[in-house]
C-alpha atoms as a PDB file:
ATOM      1  CA  MET A   1       0.000   0.000   0.000  1.00  0.00           C
ATOM      2  CA  PRO A   2       1.464   3.393  -0.946  1.00  0.00           C
ATOM      3  CA  ASN A   3       2.396   5.765   1.837  1.00  0.00           C
ATOM      4  CA  LEU A   4       0.682   9.139   1.372  1.00  0.00           C
ATOM      5  CA  ARG A   5       1.656  12.010   3.622  1.00  0.00           C
ATOM      6  CA  ALA A   6       0.902  15.682   3.213  1.00  0.00           C
ATOM      7  CA  MET A   7       4.069  17.749   3.221  1.00  0.00           C
ATOM      8  CA  SER A   8       3.152  20.586   5.529  1.00  0.00           C
ATOM      9  CA  ASN A   9       4.543  22.889   8.165  1.00  0.00           C
ATOM     10  CA  GLY A  10       1.402  23.094  10.275  1.00  0.00           C
ATOM     11  CA  GLU A  11      -0.784  24.312   7.429  1.00  0.00           C
ATOM     12  CA  THR A  12      -2.593  22.221   4.873  1.00  0.00           C
ATOM     13  CA  SER A  13      -0.503  21.832   1.740  1.00  0.00           C
ATOM     14  CA  ARG A  14      -1.625  21.083  -1.753  1.00  0.00           C
ATOM     15  CA  PHE A  15       1.513  18.998  -2.273  1.00  0.00           C
ATOM     16  CA  VAL A  16       1.590  15.302  -1.371  1.00  0.00           C
ATOM     17  CA  ARG A  17       4.603  12.993  -1.359  1.00  0.00           C
ATOM     18  CA  LEU A  18       3.799   9.515  -2.672  1.00  0.00           C
ATOM     19  CA  HIS A  19       6.248   6.757  -1.751  1.00  0.00           C
ATOM     20  CA  VAL A  20       6.071   3.601  -3.850  1.00  0.00           C
ATOM     21  CA  GLU A  21       8.444   0.668  -3.423  1.00  0.00           C
ATOM     22  CA  LEU A  22       8.519  -1.909  -6.210  1.00  0.00           C
ATOM     23  CA  ILE A  23      10.605  -5.036  -6.513  1.00  0.00           C
ATOM     24  CA  MET A  24      10.735  -6.367 -10.040  1.00  0.00           C
ATOM     25  CA  GLU A  25      11.914  -9.841 -10.986  1.00  0.00           C
ATOM     26  CA  VAL A  26      13.981  -9.860 -14.168  1.00  0.00           C
ATOM     27  CA  THR A  27      12.811 -12.975 -15.985  1.00  0.00           C
ATOM     28  CA  ASP A  28      14.586 -12.261 -19.279  1.00  0.00           C
ATOM     29  CA  ALA A  29      17.595  -9.942 -19.039  1.00  0.00           C
ATOM     30  CA  ARG A  30      18.184  -9.995 -22.812  1.00  0.00           C
ATOM     31  CA  GLN A  31      14.623  -8.918 -23.529  1.00  0.00           C
ATOM     32  CA  LEU A  32      14.791  -6.187 -20.862  1.00  0.00           C
ATOM     33  CA  THR A  33      18.134  -4.903 -22.157  1.00  0.00           C
ATOM     34  CA  GLY A  34      16.888  -4.957 -25.747  1.00  0.00           C
ATOM     35  CA  ALA A  35      13.796  -2.950 -24.847  1.00  0.00           C
ATOM     36  CA  ALA A  36      15.908  -0.386 -22.991  1.00  0.00           C
ATOM     37  CA  LEU A  37      18.332  -0.078 -25.909  1.00  0.00           C
ATOM     38  CA  ASP A  38      15.400   0.432 -28.299  1.00  0.00           C
ATOM     39  CA  HIS A  39      14.007   3.090 -25.958  1.00  0.00           C
ATOM     40  CA  ILE A  40      17.348   4.905 -25.773  1.00  0.00           C
ATOM     41  CA  GLY A  41      17.859   4.670 -29.536  1.00  0.00           C
ATOM     42  CA  GLY A  42      14.393   6.058 -30.201  1.00  0.00           C
ATOM     43  CA  ASP A  43      14.680   9.089 -27.919  1.00  0.00           C
ATOM     44  CA  PRO A  44      15.334  12.108 -30.158  1.00  0.00           C
ATOM     45  CA  THR A  45      15.850  14.418 -27.161  1.00  0.00           C
ATOM     46  CA  LEU A  46      18.811  12.472 -25.765  1.00  0.00           C
ATOM     47  CA  PRO A  47      22.192  14.147 -26.425  1.00  0.00           C
ATOM     48  CA  GLU A  48      24.678  11.855 -28.178  1.00  0.00           C
ATOM     49  CA  GLU A  49      27.143  11.645 -25.261  1.00  0.00           C
ATOM     50  CA  GLU A  50      24.358  10.798 -22.812  1.00  0.00           C
ATOM     51  CA  ARG A  51      23.001   8.227 -25.280  1.00  0.00           C
ATOM     52  CA  ARG A  52      26.416   6.562 -25.527  1.00  0.00           C
ATOM     53  CA  GLN A  53      26.776   6.412 -21.735  1.00  0.00           C
ATOM     54  CA  SER A  54      23.236   5.105 -21.317  1.00  0.00           C
ATOM     55  CA  VAL A  55      23.799   2.328 -23.855  1.00  0.00           C
ATOM     56  CA  GLU A  56      26.984   1.325 -22.048  1.00  0.00           C
ATOM     57  CA  THR A  57      25.390   1.177 -18.586  1.00  0.00           C
ATOM     58  CA  VAL A  58      22.237  -0.591 -19.821  1.00  0.00           C
ATOM     59  CA  LYS A  59      24.332  -3.339 -21.434  1.00  0.00           C
ATOM     60  CA  GLU A  60      26.150  -3.923 -18.124  1.00  0.00           C
ATOM     61  CA  ASP A  61      23.281  -3.768 -15.632  1.00  0.00           C
ATOM     62  CA  PRO A  62      19.646  -4.951 -15.893  1.00  0.00           C
ATOM     63  CA  ALA A  63      18.730  -2.541 -13.072  1.00  0.00           C
ATOM     64  CA  GLU A  64      19.883   0.351 -15.270  1.00  0.00           C
ATOM     65  CA  ALA A  65      17.893  -1.064 -18.179  1.00  0.00           C
ATOM     66  CA  LEU A  66      14.786  -1.096 -16.011  1.00  0.00           C
ATOM     67  CA  ALA A  67      15.420   2.479 -14.841  1.00  0.00           C
ATOM     68  CA  HIS A  68      15.461   3.621 -18.480  1.00  0.00           C
ATOM     69  CA  LEU A  69      12.055   2.059 -19.110  1.00  0.00           C
ATOM     70  CA  ILE A  70      10.206   3.234 -15.986  1.00  0.00           C
ATOM     71  CA  ASP A  71       9.096   6.848 -15.795  1.00  0.00           C
ATOM     72  CA  PRO A  72       7.182   8.170 -12.752  1.00  0.00           C
ATOM     73  CA  PHE A  73       5.403  10.635 -15.034  1.00  0.00           C
ATOM     74  CA  ASP A  74       3.715   7.716 -16.800  1.00  0.00           C
ATOM     75  CA  LEU A  75       2.381   6.442 -13.470  1.00  0.00           C
ATOM     76  CA  VAL A  76       0.462   9.615 -12.609  1.00  0.00           C
ATOM     77  CA  THR A  77      -0.515  11.351 -15.855  1.00  0.00           C
ATOM     78  CA  SER A  78      -4.020   9.867 -15.806  1.00  0.00           C
ATOM     79  CA  VAL A  79      -4.768  10.742 -12.148  1.00  0.00           C
ATOM     80  CA  PRO A  80      -7.508  13.398 -12.255  1.00  0.00           C
ATOM     81  CA  GLY A  81      -7.015  16.645 -10.373  1.00  0.00           C
ATOM     82  CA  THR A  82      -3.244  16.292 -10.064  1.00  0.00           C
ATOM     83  CA  GLU A  83      -0.106  17.481 -11.770  1.00  0.00           C
ATOM     84  CA  LEU A  84       3.362  16.037 -11.213  1.00  0.00           C
ATOM     85  CA  ALA A  85       5.497  18.666  -9.451  1.00  0.00           C
ATOM     86  CA  GLN A  86       8.725  16.692  -9.030  1.00  0.00           C
ATOM     87  CA  ALA A  87       9.913  13.112  -9.474  1.00  0.00           C
ATOM     88  CA  SER A  88      12.999  11.041  -8.927  1.00  0.00           C
ATOM     89  CA  TRP A  89      13.662   7.354  -9.118  1.00  0.00           C
ATOM     90  CA  SER A  90      16.490   4.887  -9.071  1.00  0.00           C
ATOM     91  CA  SER A  91      17.042   1.178  -9.370  1.00  0.00           C
ATOM     92  CA  GLU A  92      19.444  -1.244  -7.797  1.00  0.00           C
ATOM     93  CA  GLU A  93      20.090  -4.960  -7.944  1.00  0.00           C
ATOM     94  CA  LEU A  94      19.001  -6.723  -4.754  1.00  0.00           C
ATOM     95  CA  THR A  95      21.435  -9.473  -3.885  1.00  0.00           C
ATOM     96  CA  ASP A  96      19.866 -10.327  -0.532  1.00  0.00           C
ATOM     97  CA  TYR A  97      16.177 -10.356  -1.504  1.00  0.00           C
ATOM     98  CA  ASP A  98      14.231 -13.506  -0.590  1.00  0.00           C
ATOM     99  CA  PRO A  99      10.959 -13.686  -2.544  1.00  0.00           C
ATOM    100  CA  ASP A 100       9.655 -16.355  -0.150  1.00  0.00           C
ATOM    101  CA  ALA A 101      10.241 -14.298   2.992  1.00  0.00           C
ATOM    102  CA  GLU A 102       7.311 -12.575   4.663  1.00  0.00           C
ATOM    103  CA  TRP A 103       7.069  -8.914   3.639  1.00  0.00           C
ATOM    104  CA  ASN A 104       7.756  -6.383   6.383  1.00  0.00           C
ATOM    105  CA  ALA A 105       6.812  -2.768   5.572  1.00  0.00           C
ATOM    106  CA  ALA A 106       9.084  -1.421   8.316  1.00  0.00           C
ATOM    107  CA  GLU A 107      12.095  -2.932   6.544  1.00  0.00           C
ATOM    108  CA  TRP A 108      11.389  -0.821   3.473  1.00  0.00           C
ATOM    109  CA  ASP A 109      10.783   2.480   5.299  1.00  0.00           C
ATOM    110  CA  LEU A 110       7.155   2.428   4.213  1.00  0.00           C
ATOM    111  CA  ALA A 111       5.707   1.877   7.657  1.00  0.00           C
ATOM    112  CA  ASP A 112       5.349   4.737  10.124  1.00  0.00           C
ATOM    113  CA  ASP A 113       7.220   7.936   9.435  1.00  0.00           C
ATOM    114  CA  ALA A 114       8.636  10.084  12.209  1.00  0.00           C
ATOM    115  CA  ASP A 115       5.347  11.949  12.565  1.00  0.00           C
ATOM    116  CA  GLY A 116       3.404   8.721  13.046  1.00  0.00           C
ATOM    117  CA  VAL A 117       1.536   8.891   9.756  1.00  0.00           C
ATOM    118  CA  GLY A 118       2.011   5.798   7.665  1.00  0.00           C
END
């Protein structure tokens, strides 16, 4: 369940921070890498040096390939009454993830925040 918390300093704010934690299983690294390379190659706004670096990192790391294919903007563009103000995202390979272990929200910093809202 996403963690929604109004960002305020005692007053109601119109800005909301949405935390989403996803763990993706890479079932076909070649297919993922190929899709990311196609995406990079088809982006006319990408400067050539950045394109070259992106191709290099995507070929070396499936997590980087995934990061090139996921865009937070795409997740929220159809939400009525909202406009994306800021977004950031990253990806990393999880070497210690156990898909059979029971999920614990506190482990992923999605449980209670310091103000008790969670």
